[in-house]
Amino acid sequence: MARASRFVRFRRGMTLPILLLVAWEVSSRTGLVDARFLPSLEDVVGTAKRELIDNDLIGELGFSLMRNIAGFLIGCVLGIAFASLLALSRIADRLIMPTFNGLKQISLLAWIPLISVWFGFGEQAKIVFVALAAFIPIVLNTYDGMREAPAELLEVATALRFNARQKALRIYIPAAMPSIATGVHLGLIYAWLATVGAEYFLAVGPGIGGLVIAGRERFDMALVMVGVLVLGFVGFTLNRLASALEAYLLRWRPKQTV
């Protein structure tokens, strides 16, 4: 029964992508849209084969994923640590949180000029940009989760004379796990989006973003579409992996029934 339900959801989810692909192919083949701007699926597949065989598409994707993972891990560790400091220290909360709330309103792309000046245009700058993208949602969700720790558990901890470390490990972090998992999930998604942005705006070195730029400069729309499709597929896969990891980490929670 569950397998049949998953198949039905999969079939419904694939309906729109299939219709879009059909509309794409019909528009390109019939001349409804200029093929120079919307190449046929055959041209895109041919370009993808060429990039895989002759131009190391897998290697380009590998560079992008390495930047993404490095930046995400840095943003994740720093984000959880920073949020814990704000949530567990009233002084830090009052001194830092108002400023952080102001800084988080700044568009992520607005940081690129500063990052490029401070770190250059190489790998370091790209990883910093990705880490910043992951850092913000992780901080916000972790902070909210820790601040919402059950008051009755805190009263018990006070009665048992827990020190700050014991409160953090036995009450605050366990209580915040659902919010932390959500923040990590969002951080992974934003990190991938930032990886693409970093490769596009800090265009030095290999990566899928560089592939899209190369296609744009040559006016090779088939190459651009290959890059876009690869980016979309990887983003979708990362989102599914993050959802599965979140479900695994929170498997102890009772399932909600409608």
C-alpha atoms as a PDB file:
ATOM      1  CA  MET A   1       0.000   0.000   0.000  1.00  0.00           C
ATOM      2  CA  ALA A   2       2.783   2.391   0.949  1.00  0.00           C
ATOM      3  CA  ARG A   3       4.716   1.473  -2.204  1.00  0.00           C
ATOM      4  CA  ALA A   4       1.657   2.146  -4.346  1.00  0.00           C
ATOM      5  CA  SER A   5       1.170   5.503  -2.618  1.00  0.00           C
ATOM      6  CA  ARG A   6       4.803   6.462  -3.320  1.00  0.00           C
ATOM      7  CA  PHE A   7       4.391   5.476  -6.967  1.00  0.00           C
ATOM      8  CA  VAL A   8       1.279   7.645  -7.287  1.00  0.00           C
ATOM      9  CA  ARG A   9       3.124  10.628  -5.770  1.00  0.00           C
ATOM     10  CA  PHE A  10       6.078  10.019  -8.087  1.00  0.00           C
ATOM     11  CA  ARG A  11       3.794   9.832 -11.125  1.00  0.00           C
ATOM     12  CA  ARG A  12       2.052  13.058 -10.181  1.00  0.00           C
ATOM     13  CA  GLY A  13       5.362  14.763  -9.515  1.00  0.00           C
ATOM     14  CA  MET A  14       6.699  13.769 -12.942  1.00  0.00           C
ATOM     15  CA  THR A  15       3.649  15.014 -14.844  1.00  0.00           C
ATOM     16  CA  LEU A  16       4.671  18.671 -15.040  1.00  0.00           C
ATOM     17  CA  PRO A  17       8.359  18.032 -15.948  1.00  0.00           C
ATOM     18  CA  ILE A  18       7.290  15.694 -18.768  1.00  0.00           C
ATOM     19  CA  LEU A  19       4.797  18.233 -20.095  1.00  0.00           C
ATOM     20  CA  LEU A  20       7.469  20.940 -19.997  1.00  0.00           C
ATOM     21  CA  LEU A  21       9.902  18.723 -21.905  1.00  0.00           C
ATOM     22  CA  VAL A  22       7.249  17.975 -24.526  1.00  0.00           C
ATOM     23  CA  ALA A  23       6.449  21.684 -24.875  1.00  0.00           C
ATOM     24  CA  TRP A  24      10.171  22.451 -25.110  1.00  0.00           C
ATOM     25  CA  GLU A  25      10.737  19.909 -27.896  1.00  0.00           C
ATOM     26  CA  VAL A  26       7.635  20.895 -29.855  1.00  0.00           C
ATOM     27  CA  SER A  27       8.487  24.602 -29.621  1.00  0.00           C
ATOM     28  CA  SER A  28      12.030  24.001 -30.828  1.00  0.00           C
ATOM     29  CA  ARG A  29      11.165  21.543 -33.617  1.00  0.00           C
ATOM     30  CA  THR A  30       8.264  23.536 -35.048  1.00  0.00           C
ATOM     31  CA  GLY A  31      10.105  26.870 -34.979  1.00  0.00           C
ATOM     32  CA  LEU A  32       7.656  28.349 -32.500  1.00  0.00           C
ATOM     33  CA  VAL A  33      10.751  29.472 -30.602  1.00  0.00           C
ATOM     34  CA  ASP A  34      14.025  30.270 -32.350  1.00  0.00           C
ATOM     35  CA  ALA A  35      16.321  27.234 -31.955  1.00  0.00           C
ATOM     36  CA  ARG A  36      19.222  29.590 -31.287  1.00  0.00           C
ATOM     37  CA  PHE A  37      17.529  30.561 -28.034  1.00  0.00           C
ATOM     38  CA  LEU A  38      15.876  27.224 -27.195  1.00  0.00           C
ATOM     39  CA  PRO A  39      17.808  24.313 -28.727  1.00  0.00           C
ATOM     40  CA  SER A  40      16.153  20.961 -29.230  1.00  0.00           C
ATOM     41  CA  LEU A  41      16.530  18.179 -26.688  1.00  0.00           C
ATOM     42  CA  GLU A  42      18.620  16.279 -29.226  1.00  0.00           C
ATOM     43  CA  ASP A  43      21.129  19.166 -29.381  1.00  0.00           C
ATOM     44  CA  VAL A  44      21.245  19.372 -25.575  1.00  0.00           C
ATOM     45  CA  VAL A  45      21.832  15.630 -25.234  1.00  0.00           C
ATOM     46  CA  GLY A  46      24.548  15.773 -27.908  1.00  0.00           C
ATOM     47  CA  THR A  47      26.240  18.663 -26.114  1.00  0.00           C
ATOM     48  CA  ALA A  48      26.041  16.800 -22.800  1.00  0.00           C
ATOM     49  CA  LYS A  49      27.744  13.751 -24.382  1.00  0.00           C
ATOM     50  CA  ARG A  50      30.457  15.973 -25.831  1.00  0.00           C
ATOM     51  CA  GLU A  51      31.096  17.631 -22.470  1.00  0.00           C
ATOM     52  CA  LEU A  52      31.192  14.278 -20.688  1.00  0.00           C
ATOM     53  CA  ILE A  53      33.614  12.675 -23.139  1.00  0.00           C
ATOM     54  CA  ASP A  54      35.794  15.541 -24.318  1.00  0.00           C
ATOM     55  CA  ASN A  55      35.619  18.305 -21.714  1.00  0.00           C
ATOM     56  CA  ASP A  56      35.431  16.522 -18.325  1.00  0.00           C
ATOM     57  CA  LEU A  57      31.932  17.534 -17.222  1.00  0.00           C
ATOM     58  CA  ILE A  58      32.228  15.205 -14.209  1.00  0.00           C
ATOM     59  CA  GLY A  59      35.383  17.021 -13.127  1.00  0.00           C
ATOM     60  CA  GLU A  60      33.648  20.393 -13.388  1.00  0.00           C
ATOM     61  CA  LEU A  61      30.802  19.076 -11.255  1.00  0.00           C
ATOM     62  CA  GLY A  62      33.310  17.650  -8.771  1.00  0.00           C
ATOM     63  CA  PHE A  63      34.892  21.083  -8.239  1.00  0.00           C
ATOM     64  CA  SER A  64      31.472  22.609  -7.615  1.00  0.00           C
ATOM     65  CA  LEU A  65      30.528  19.904  -5.125  1.00  0.00           C
ATOM     66  CA  MET A  66      33.823  20.254  -3.251  1.00  0.00           C
ATOM     67  CA  ARG A  67      33.250  23.994  -2.852  1.00  0.00           C
ATOM     68  CA  ASN A  68      29.696  23.334  -1.766  1.00  0.00           C
ATOM     69  CA  ILE A  69      30.630  20.724   0.843  1.00  0.00           C
ATOM     70  CA  ALA A  70      33.553  22.727   2.245  1.00  0.00           C
ATOM     71  CA  GLY A  71      31.518  25.919   2.575  1.00  0.00           C
ATOM     72  CA  PHE A  72      28.504  24.088   3.986  1.00  0.00           C
ATOM     73  CA  LEU A  73      30.520  22.298   6.680  1.00  0.00           C
ATOM     74  CA  ILE A  74      32.212  25.530   7.749  1.00  0.00           C
ATOM     75  CA  GLY A  75      28.890  27.387   7.847  1.00  0.00           C
ATOM     76  CA  CYS A  76      27.245  24.509   9.723  1.00  0.00           C
ATOM     77  CA  VAL A  77      29.860  24.271  12.479  1.00  0.00           C
ATOM     78  CA  LEU A  78      30.185  28.029  12.938  1.00  0.00           C
ATOM     79  CA  GLY A  79      26.411  28.531  12.717  1.00  0.00           C
ATOM     80  CA  ILE A  80      25.553  26.023  15.439  1.00  0.00           C
ATOM     81  CA  ALA A  81      28.345  27.309  17.691  1.00  0.00           C
ATOM     82  CA  PHE A  82      27.355  30.960  17.189  1.00  0.00           C
ATOM     83  CA  ALA A  83      23.648  30.268  17.749  1.00  0.00           C
ATOM     84  CA  SER A  84      24.461  28.317  20.919  1.00  0.00           C
ATOM     85  CA  LEU A  85      26.424  31.283  22.235  1.00  0.00           C
ATOM     86  CA  LEU A  86      23.537  33.657  21.563  1.00  0.00           C
ATOM     87  CA  ALA A  87      20.909  31.321  23.006  1.00  0.00           C
ATOM     88  CA  LEU A  88      22.812  30.377  26.164  1.00  0.00           C
ATOM     89  CA  SER A  89      24.343  33.744  27.040  1.00  0.00           C
ATOM     90  CA  ARG A  90      22.052  36.658  27.850  1.00  0.00           C
ATOM     91  CA  ILE A  91      24.925  39.126  27.510  1.00  0.00           C
ATOM     92  CA  ALA A  92      25.881  37.839  24.048  1.00  0.00           C
ATOM     93  CA  ASP A  93      22.214  37.785  23.027  1.00  0.00           C
ATOM     94  CA  ARG A  94      21.673  41.412  24.017  1.00  0.00           C
ATOM     95  CA  LEU A  95      24.944  42.654  22.541  1.00  0.00           C
ATOM     96  CA  ILE A  96      25.104  40.693  19.278  1.00  0.00           C
ATOM     97  CA  MET A  97      21.603  39.622  18.246  1.00  0.00           C
ATOM     98  CA  PRO A  98      20.290  43.110  17.309  1.00  0.00           C
ATOM     99  CA  THR A  99      23.290  43.645  15.019  1.00  0.00           C
ATOM    100  CA  PHE A 100      22.948  40.165  13.538  1.00  0.00           C
ATOM    101  CA  ASN A 101      19.247  40.764  12.850  1.00  0.00           C
ATOM    102  CA  GLY A 102      20.234  43.876  10.915  1.00  0.00           C
ATOM    103  CA  LEU A 103      23.039  42.216   8.966  1.00  0.00           C
ATOM    104  CA  LYS A 104      20.917  39.242   7.934  1.00  0.00           C
ATOM    105  CA  GLN A 105      18.639  41.617   5.997  1.00  0.00           C
ATOM    106  CA  ILE A 106      21.476  42.420   3.594  1.00  0.00           C
ATOM    107  CA  SER A 107      21.225  40.501   0.335  1.00  0.00           C
ATOM    108  CA  LEU A 108      23.805  37.748   0.094  1.00  0.00           C
ATOM    109  CA  LEU A 109      24.975  39.029  -3.294  1.00  0.00           C
ATOM    110  CA  ALA A 110      25.787  42.388  -1.698  1.00  0.00           C
ATOM    111  CA  TRP A 111      28.609  40.704   0.216  1.00  0.00           C
ATOM    112  CA  ILE A 112      30.410  39.637  -2.970  1.00  0.00           C
ATOM    113  CA  PRO A 113      32.353  42.927  -3.443  1.00  0.00           C
ATOM    114  CA  LEU A 114      33.590  42.814   0.155  1.00  0.00           C
ATOM    115  CA  ILE A 115      34.449  39.127  -0.021  1.00  0.00           C
ATOM    116  CA  SER A 116      36.334  39.628  -3.295  1.00  0.00           C
ATOM    117  CA  VAL A 117      38.345  42.479  -1.756  1.00  0.00           C
ATOM    118  CA  TRP A 118      39.113  40.597   1.461  1.00  0.00           C
ATOM    119  CA  PHE A 119      39.693  37.123   0.000  1.00  0.00           C
ATOM    120  CA  GLY A 120      40.313  37.683  -3.699  1.00  0.00           C
ATOM    121  CA  PHE A 121      38.569  35.802  -6.513  1.00  0.00           C
ATOM    122  CA  GLY A 122      39.943  32.309  -5.888  1.00  0.00           C
ATOM    123  CA  GLU A 123      38.724  29.243  -4.052  1.00  0.00           C
ATOM    124  CA  GLN A 124      38.938  30.869  -0.639  1.00  0.00           C
ATOM    125  CA  ALA A 125      36.477  33.605  -1.591  1.00  0.00           C
ATOM    126  CA  LYS A 126      34.017  31.116  -3.063  1.00  0.00           C
ATOM    127  CA  ILE A 127      34.092  28.898   0.018  1.00  0.00           C
ATOM    128  CA  VAL A 128      33.592  31.913   2.298  1.00  0.00           C
ATOM    129  CA  PHE A 129      30.571  32.987   0.246  1.00  0.00           C
ATOM    130  CA  VAL A 130      29.056  29.496   0.415  1.00  0.00           C
ATOM    131  CA  ALA A 131      29.740  29.285   4.156  1.00  0.00           C
ATOM    132  CA  LEU A 132      27.987  32.606   4.705  1.00  0.00           C
ATOM    133  CA  ALA A 133      24.937  31.380   2.795  1.00  0.00           C
ATOM    134  CA  ALA A 134      24.686  28.263   4.984  1.00  0.00           C
ATOM    135  CA  PHE A 135      25.545  30.123   8.191  1.00  0.00           C
ATOM    136  CA  ILE A 136      22.501  32.407   8.344  1.00  0.00           C
ATOM    137  CA  PRO A 137      19.615  29.880   8.214  1.00  0.00           C
ATOM    138  CA  ILE A 138      21.460  27.525  10.557  1.00  0.00           C
ATOM    139  CA  VAL A 139      21.965  30.283  13.123  1.00  0.00           C
ATOM    140  CA  LEU A 140      18.348  31.430  12.987  1.00  0.00           C
ATOM    141  CA  ASN A 141      16.827  27.956  13.313  1.00  0.00           C
ATOM    142  CA  THR A 142      19.257  26.756  15.988  1.00  0.00           C
ATOM    143  CA  TYR A 143      18.751  29.918  18.026  1.00  0.00           C
ATOM    144  CA  ASP A 144      14.955  29.646  17.877  1.00  0.00           C
ATOM    145  CA  GLY A 145      15.076  25.966  18.825  1.00  0.00           C
ATOM    146  CA  MET A 146      17.267  26.539  21.863  1.00  0.00           C
ATOM    147  CA  ARG A 147      15.237  29.506  23.031  1.00  0.00           C
ATOM    148  CA  GLU A 148      12.123  27.336  22.983  1.00  0.00           C
ATOM    149  CA  ALA A 149      13.536  24.689  25.326  1.00  0.00           C
ATOM    150  CA  PRO A 150      10.779  23.507  27.736  1.00  0.00           C
ATOM    151  CA  ALA A 151      10.670  25.649  30.864  1.00  0.00           C
ATOM    152  CA  GLU A 152       9.814  22.663  33.078  1.00  0.00           C
ATOM    153  CA  LEU A 153      12.994  20.856  32.006  1.00  0.00           C
ATOM    154  CA  LEU A 154      15.036  23.955  32.783  1.00  0.00           C
ATOM    155  CA  GLU A 155      13.460  24.106  36.226  1.00  0.00           C
ATOM    156  CA  VAL A 156      14.431  20.483  36.846  1.00  0.00           C
ATOM    157  CA  ALA A 157      17.976  21.229  35.660  1.00  0.00           C
ATOM    158  CA  THR A 158      18.183  24.145  38.077  1.00  0.00           C
ATOM    159  CA  ALA A 159      16.924  21.963  40.930  1.00  0.00           C
ATOM    160  CA  LEU A 160      19.527  19.327  40.073  1.00  0.00           C
ATOM    161  CA  ARG A 161      22.203  22.038  39.860  1.00  0.00           C
ATOM    162  CA  PHE A 162      23.210  21.359  36.288  1.00  0.00           C
ATOM    163  CA  ASN A 163      26.116  23.475  35.122  1.00  0.00           C
ATOM    164  CA  ALA A 164      26.016  25.328  31.801  1.00  0.00           C
ATOM    165  CA  ARG A 165      27.624  22.435  29.914  1.00  0.00           C
ATOM    166  CA  GLN A 166      25.133  19.909  31.269  1.00  0.00           C
ATOM    167  CA  LYS A 167      22.196  22.156  30.399  1.00  0.00           C
ATOM    168  CA  ALA A 168      23.480  22.619  26.872  1.00  0.00           C
ATOM    169  CA  LEU A 169      24.126  18.917  26.205  1.00  0.00           C
ATOM    170  CA  ARG A 170      21.115  17.444  28.006  1.00  0.00           C
ATOM    171  CA  ILE A 171      18.390  20.055  27.486  1.00  0.00           C
ATOM    172  CA  TYR A 172      19.054  22.817  24.991  1.00  0.00           C
ATOM    173  CA  ILE A 173      20.605  20.819  22.148  1.00  0.00           C
ATOM    174  CA  PRO A 174      18.173  17.850  22.333  1.00  0.00           C
ATOM    175  CA  ALA A 175      15.206  20.246  22.511  1.00  0.00           C
ATOM    176  CA  ALA A 176      16.537  22.169  19.522  1.00  0.00           C
ATOM    177  CA  MET A 177      17.272  19.110  17.336  1.00  0.00           C
ATOM    178  CA  PRO A 178      14.175  19.523  15.092  1.00  0.00           C
ATOM    179  CA  SER A 179      15.048  23.188  14.495  1.00  0.00           C
ATOM    180  CA  ILE A 180      18.734  22.381  13.989  1.00  0.00           C
ATOM    181  CA  ALA A 181      17.819  19.712  11.421  1.00  0.00           C
ATOM    182  CA  THR A 182      15.602  22.213   9.602  1.00  0.00           C
ATOM    183  CA  GLY A 183      18.390  24.796   9.646  1.00  0.00           C
ATOM    184  CA  VAL A 184      20.923  22.302   8.308  1.00  0.00           C
ATOM    185  CA  HIS A 185      18.468  21.301   5.575  1.00  0.00           C
ATOM    186  CA  LEU A 186      17.981  24.935   4.527  1.00  0.00           C
ATOM    187  CA  GLY A 187      21.701  25.599   4.872  1.00  0.00           C
ATOM    188  CA  LEU A 188      22.499  22.799   2.435  1.00  0.00           C
ATOM    189  CA  ILE A 189      20.035  24.173  -0.121  1.00  0.00           C
ATOM    190  CA  TYR A 190      21.291  27.751   0.227  1.00  0.00           C
ATOM    191  CA  ALA A 191      24.897  26.544   0.072  1.00  0.00           C
ATOM    192  CA  TRP A 192      24.301  24.965  -3.338  1.00  0.00           C
ATOM    193  CA  LEU A 193      22.601  28.109  -4.627  1.00  0.00           C
ATOM    194  CA  ALA A 194      25.520  30.142  -3.314  1.00  0.00           C
ATOM    195  CA  THR A 195      27.996  27.767  -4.995  1.00  0.00           C
ATOM    196  CA  VAL A 196      26.398  28.563  -8.337  1.00  0.00           C
ATOM    197  CA  GLY A 197      26.393  32.283  -7.543  1.00  0.00           C
ATOM    198  CA  ALA A 198      30.023  32.225  -6.431  1.00  0.00           C
ATOM    199  CA  GLU A 199      31.134  30.506  -9.625  1.00  0.00           C
ATOM    200  CA  TYR A 200      29.120  32.929 -11.710  1.00  0.00           C
ATOM    201  CA  PHE A 201      30.186  36.185 -10.062  1.00  0.00           C
ATOM    202  CA  LEU A 202      33.666  35.131  -8.905  1.00  0.00           C
ATOM    203  CA  ALA A 203      34.412  33.539 -12.256  1.00  0.00           C
ATOM    204  CA  VAL A 204      37.881  32.104 -11.708  1.00  0.00           C
ATOM    205  CA  GLY A 205      38.524  28.375 -11.862  1.00  0.00           C
ATOM    206  CA  PRO A 206      36.533  25.331 -12.969  1.00  0.00           C
ATOM    207  CA  GLY A 207      32.950  24.537 -12.030  1.00  0.00           C
ATOM    208  CA  ILE A 208      29.455  24.197 -13.455  1.00  0.00           C
ATOM    209  CA  GLY A 209      28.946  27.947 -13.126  1.00  0.00           C
ATOM    210  CA  GLY A 210      31.950  28.456 -15.370  1.00  0.00           C
ATOM    211  CA  LEU A 211      30.385  26.074 -17.875  1.00  0.00           C
ATOM    212  CA  VAL A 212      27.249  28.214 -18.026  1.00  0.00           C
ATOM    213  CA  ILE A 213      29.359  31.356 -18.467  1.00  0.00           C
ATOM    214  CA  ALA A 214      31.299  29.710 -21.299  1.00  0.00           C
ATOM    215  CA  GLY A 215      28.044  28.820 -23.033  1.00  0.00           C
ATOM    216  CA  ARG A 216      26.761  32.363 -22.658  1.00  0.00           C
ATOM    217  CA  GLU A 217      29.948  33.900 -24.078  1.00  0.00           C
ATOM    218  CA  ARG A 218      29.893  31.560 -27.099  1.00  0.00           C
ATOM    219  CA  PHE A 219      26.124  31.978 -27.476  1.00  0.00           C
ATOM    220  CA  ASP A 220      25.935  28.192 -27.209  1.00  0.00           C
ATOM    221  CA  MET A 221      22.492  27.811 -25.630  1.00  0.00           C
ATOM    222  CA  ALA A 222      22.730  24.010 -25.694  1.00  0.00           C
ATOM    223  CA  LEU A 223      25.775  24.255 -23.407  1.00  0.00           C
ATOM    224  CA  VAL A 224      23.938  26.719 -21.165  1.00  0.00           C
ATOM    225  CA  MET A 225      20.983  24.341 -20.910  1.00  0.00           C
ATOM    226  CA  VAL A 226      23.295  21.448 -20.037  1.00  0.00           C
ATOM    227  CA  GLY A 227      24.714  23.512 -17.184  1.00  0.00           C
ATOM    228  CA  VAL A 228      21.267  24.571 -15.997  1.00  0.00           C
ATOM    229  CA  LEU A 229      19.933  21.007 -16.071  1.00  0.00           C
ATOM    230  CA  VAL A 230      22.956  19.685 -14.174  1.00  0.00           C
ATOM    231  CA  LEU A 231      22.550  22.409 -11.551  1.00  0.00           C
ATOM    232  CA  GLY A 232      18.862  21.641 -11.183  1.00  0.00           C
ATOM    233  CA  PHE A 233      19.423  17.889 -10.920  1.00  0.00           C
ATOM    234  CA  VAL A 234      22.152  18.257  -8.297  1.00  0.00           C
ATOM    235  CA  GLY A 235      20.056  20.740  -6.323  1.00  0.00           C
ATOM    236  CA  PHE A 236      17.095  18.361  -6.384  1.00  0.00           C
ATOM    237  CA  THR A 237      19.306  15.454  -5.284  1.00  0.00           C
ATOM    238  CA  LEU A 238      20.820  17.454  -2.415  1.00  0.00           C
ATOM    239  CA  ASN A 239      17.356  18.466  -1.278  1.00  0.00           C
ATOM    240  CA  ARG A 240      16.198  14.841  -1.253  1.00  0.00           C
ATOM    241  CA  LEU A 241      19.308  13.732   0.622  1.00  0.00           C
ATOM    242  CA  ALA A 242      18.808  16.504   3.186  1.00  0.00           C
ATOM    243  CA  SER A 243      15.168  15.482   3.640  1.00  0.00           C
ATOM    244  CA  ALA A 244      16.171  11.855   4.172  1.00  0.00           C
ATOM    245  CA  LEU A 245      18.874  12.848   6.662  1.00  0.00           C
ATOM    246  CA  GLU A 246      16.448  15.097   8.523  1.00  0.00           C
ATOM    247  CA  ALA A 247      13.881  12.292   8.719  1.00  0.00           C
ATOM    248  CA  TYR A 248      16.547   9.886   9.999  1.00  0.00           C
ATOM    249  CA  LEU A 249      17.813  12.256  12.696  1.00  0.00           C
ATOM    250  CA  LEU A 250      14.267  12.955  13.861  1.00  0.00           C
ATOM    251  CA  ARG A 251      12.984   9.394  13.578  1.00  0.00           C
ATOM    252  CA  TRP A 252      12.344   9.363  17.349  1.00  0.00           C
ATOM    253  CA  ARG A 253       9.522  11.882  16.982  1.00  0.00           C
ATOM    254  CA  PRO A 254       6.018  10.433  16.846  1.00  0.00           C
ATOM    255  CA  LYS A 255       4.478  10.644  13.377  1.00  0.00           C
ATOM    256  CA  GLN A 256       1.737  13.211  13.052  1.00  0.00           C
ATOM    257  CA  THR A 257      -1.647  11.950  11.963  1.00  0.00           C
ATOM    258  CA  VAL A 258      -4.129  14.094  10.094  1.00  0.00           C
END
